[in-house]
Amino acid sequence: MKTSNLLYILVFVAAGILSSCKKNYLDIVPTDRISDVALLADSALFEDFVINRYMGVRLQDKEAEGTPPGFGRGFEYGLWSSLTDESIYNNDDNTWVIQRGQLAPENLGIAGTIWGRSYRSIRECNYALTHIDSVQMSDAKRTLLRAELRFIRAYRYHDLIRNYGGVVLAGEKVYNLQDNLTDEALFKRATIKESLDYAIAELDAAARDLPLANADKSWDLGRATKGAALALKARLLLYAASPLYNAGSWADAAAAAKAVIDLNLYSLAPDYAKLFLTPTSNEIIFERLYAIGARHVCLEISNAPNGYGGWAGNTPLQNLVDAYEMNNGKVITDATSGYNEQTPYLNRDARFYATILYNGASYRGSTVDIYTPGGKDSKDGPSNWNTTKTGYYLRKFMDDNNPIDNPWDVAGLQPWIYLRYAEVLLNYAEAQNEAAGPDASVYNAVNQVRQRSSVMQPALPTGLTQAQMREAIRRERQVELAFEEHRFYDVRRWKIANVTENVPAYGVDVTRSGATTTYTRKVALSGRAFAEKHYWLPIPRSEILSSNGNLDQNTGY
């Protein structure tokens, strides 16, 4: 990725604004923006503008740090996981309002910027697509940049669709402030199917002209590829076939995921933990990269235990911990699994140890001590306001080579992975199971994920029914993709959020008396709740008001 351009040339197109001013002594050339005239006269500058569309403007406190946010939330202080049964954000930061079912058009907590940022980016892509033919460059370069812009625009629509359902399809139009607020096309929401069809068609068009993969050294890491476009298409088709959307076929979703598999470009990383620290991993299909020497959210201080100088941050819930199987492949509720409530972390799925810090876990040359009385990572330790409320700390994504104390401008270089091969395999398995039942290809896809060399969970038992395989795949997604912004959307598209999100946010109290350690389940965050209307986010009230009431709100808000 051209990080020097991508992170530091933040282009703002003041289309028509500068040229409309009368010449007078106040007319000066601004130094913090580039005019549309200059942008369209320089192909290199225009390409920088395209690269910058992978990022968005910061619209809310605690979004990103230093560098602008990308798609979704990515590495920010409050992760999207802390709106689910995966974790809670220890110091709230506008997450508890969603966990407690208090979401409203006037208060969306950390979810309040998706609509505005997405449509701003769509407008910027439309601007570039409208003017690209007037920029002097080779036909090959123009074709590539046009495909990139269509991919970015489709990704923004994907973010809108999975949060709001049917959305406004802006087409190719570049809307301006003077546009008529009564124009029906400006505010008319398409159906979910129409919205999905549009985004999928854009991804098909982009895939035709994008390079095969980032392995092509003529293309920059972090930019869109054919594989990225096809993988995002497969995800959208999986969503489309799911019960919440009910706007597509499982067979189409399976075929789309199979098309990515058949590229033969990607493979599972041997080491699950190191995958999230390795931007060049062959498992990564599309990712966000960060520049050295720029300010980023520092994951280690944000999420580490208080005894190490950390702030606890996104603390895992017992709800997630309970989903990890034993290393013999049996769920902990199976009486023959060997699970013991008083040695709960013994012999678990290897991904548990790569994802969660628990009492007794080895960490940075020491041991995590969450027990009371006296544990250094408990309320009896230093900075006790940063003690976990759940009895766990986050391990996934953490780079032990980064400092926890005073990490600024040093840490925060881990890639944020938007799309990876394990997701594609699980997408295929789910769709194929729903379309044709648990055939050999379904088993093969799931077992590949379970049996990467650092994990080696036993293969799924043969003879599963379709319903049993469905539950196995859902559990596999829960543990394999934990903290990667999937759980929030999975439980909604499956229409089980009314169950999973109405279960209390559980944690564990760890107490020690002599040589005996006792683990007692507790409620870590009170009032967790989910209502039928919460299957979709409300459109922010400010957007409804800005439309002069012409934009339809989601049902229930």
Foldseek 3Di string as FASTA:
>chain_A
DPQVLQFPVQEDEPPPPLVVDDDDPPNDDDPNHDYPVVCQADPVSVVSLLSNLQFWADDDPQQKPQGGHGPDRFDTQAFPLCLFLFFNFLVCQQRVCNQQVVFDLARNGPPFCLVVRLVVSLLSLLVCLVRVVSHDDDPLVSLLSNLQSLLSNLSSLVSVCLFFNFAQDPDSDNDDPPDDLVPLSVFPTDHNLVSLVVSLVSLVSSLVNFAAACVPVVDDQQTAGSLNSLQVSLVSQLLCVFPLNVRHALVVSLVSLVVSVVSVQAADDLALQCVQQDSPHRFFGHWAFHDQQGWTPFVCQSFPFVLQNHQNTTFTFVLLVQLWAFLQQHRLVPPPRPADQQPRPPRTFLLCLSWKQAAQRDDLNRGQHCAPDPGCRHCNHPPSSSHDLFRITTRGSHDSVAHNPPRTSPHDGGIQGQDGSLVSLLSNLLSCCVNPNRDPSNQVSLVSLCPRNSGHRDRDDPDDTSVRSNVVSVSSCSSSCPSNPDRLSVCLSNVNCQPRSADARKHWHWYDDPPGIHIDIDRSDPNRHDDPQSSHRWNNPVVCVVSVNSHDTGPPD
